[in-house]
């Protein structure tokens, strides 16, 4: 489980998500992919150790025209993985 936004910064940047310089104070409208990624990823159980990286790629691949309207179901259908961690 990822508990702090700063833990996601390197993975998000690597996937191509635009990350604000100040992750604690930014205009949410300018960083919609970052907002969606952190909203869905923070505190969510990771079904495997690299799920946060794979999930970042899923979010980065959503077109700008869709990111503000996409549903959780649609994100999961694209491959965003949330689930019970494997022991």
Protein backbone atom coordinates (compact mmCIF):
# COMPACT_ATOMS: atom_id res chain seq x y z
CA UNK A 1 0.00 0.00 0.00
CA UNK A 2 1.23 3.47 -0.88
CA UNK A 3 0.42 5.99 1.85
CA UNK A 4 1.98 9.30 0.79
CA UNK A 5 1.74 11.16 -2.53
CA UNK A 6 5.50 11.75 -2.60
CA UNK A 7 5.98 7.98 -2.83
CA UNK A 8 4.25 8.05 -6.22
CA UNK A 9 6.17 10.93 -7.80
CA UNK A 10 9.03 8.96 -9.43
CA UNK A 11 6.73 6.25 -10.75
CA UNK A 12 4.22 8.77 -12.10
CA UNK A 13 6.93 10.80 -13.84
CA UNK A 14 8.43 7.64 -15.34
CA UNK A 15 5.02 6.72 -16.76
CA UNK A 16 4.60 10.18 -18.29
CA UNK A 17 2.16 11.68 -15.83
CA UNK A 18 2.63 15.44 -15.39
CA UNK A 19 3.42 15.95 -11.68
CA UNK A 20 3.19 19.34 -9.95
CA UNK A 21 6.37 20.80 -8.45
CA UNK A 22 4.57 21.24 -5.13
CA UNK A 23 2.42 18.15 -4.61
CA UNK A 24 0.82 19.68 -1.52
CA UNK A 25 -0.41 22.87 -3.19
CA UNK A 26 -1.29 22.90 -6.88
CA UNK A 27 -4.09 23.66 -9.32
CA UNK A 28 -5.95 20.37 -9.72
CA UNK A 29 -7.25 21.40 -13.15
CA UNK A 30 -3.68 21.57 -14.48
CA UNK A 31 -2.76 18.05 -13.32
CA UNK A 32 -5.81 15.84 -13.90
CA UNK A 33 -3.85 12.64 -14.48
CA UNK A 34 -1.92 13.16 -11.24
CA UNK A 35 -5.17 13.81 -9.36
CA UNK A 36 -6.83 10.66 -10.71
CA UNK A 37 -3.73 8.53 -10.14
CA UNK A 38 -3.18 9.61 -6.55
CA UNK A 39 -6.90 9.48 -5.72
CA UNK A 40 -7.12 5.88 -6.89
CA UNK A 41 -3.71 4.66 -5.76
CA UNK A 42 -3.17 6.13 -2.31
CA UNK A 43 -4.24 3.75 0.42
CA UNK A 44 -5.33 1.07 -2.04
CA UNK A 45 -4.07 -2.47 -1.56
CA UNK A 46 -1.51 -3.51 -4.17
CA UNK A 47 -2.20 -6.96 -5.61
CA UNK A 48 1.49 -7.27 -6.60
CA UNK A 49 4.63 -5.29 -5.83
CA UNK A 50 4.86 -3.30 -9.07
CA UNK A 51 1.13 -2.59 -9.46
CA UNK A 52 1.63 1.13 -8.72
CA UNK A 53 3.96 1.41 -11.73
CA UNK A 54 1.61 -0.48 -14.01
CA UNK A 55 -1.29 1.61 -12.73
CA UNK A 56 0.61 4.81 -13.51
CA UNK A 57 1.00 3.64 -17.10
CA UNK A 58 -2.74 2.99 -17.33
CA UNK A 59 -3.55 6.50 -16.09
CA UNK A 60 -0.91 8.10 -18.32
CA UNK A 61 -2.50 6.39 -21.32
CA UNK A 62 -5.91 7.95 -20.78
CA UNK A 63 -6.41 10.82 -23.24
CA UNK A 64 -6.72 14.35 -21.86
CA UNK A 65 -10.22 14.51 -23.31
CA UNK A 66 -11.34 11.51 -21.17
CA UNK A 67 -9.45 11.84 -17.89
CA UNK A 68 -12.00 14.13 -16.23
CA UNK A 69 -15.00 11.94 -17.09
CA UNK A 70 -13.62 8.42 -16.76
CA UNK A 71 -15.25 6.12 -14.21
CA UNK A 72 -13.59 3.70 -11.81
CA UNK A 73 -15.09 0.80 -13.74
CA UNK A 74 -13.57 2.10 -16.98
CA UNK A 75 -10.18 2.59 -15.35
CA UNK A 76 -10.28 -0.97 -14.03
CA UNK A 77 -11.26 -2.24 -17.49
CA UNK A 78 -8.14 -0.50 -18.84
CA UNK A 79 -6.06 -2.56 -16.40
CA UNK A 80 -5.78 -0.48 -13.23
CA UNK A 81 -5.13 -3.09 -10.53
CA UNK A 82 -6.50 -2.73 -7.02
CA UNK A 83 -6.95 -5.69 -4.78
CA UNK A 84 -5.94 -7.77 -1.87
CA UNK A 85 -2.17 -8.08 -1.65
CA UNK A 86 -0.76 -11.52 -2.25
CA UNK A 87 1.00 -12.71 0.94
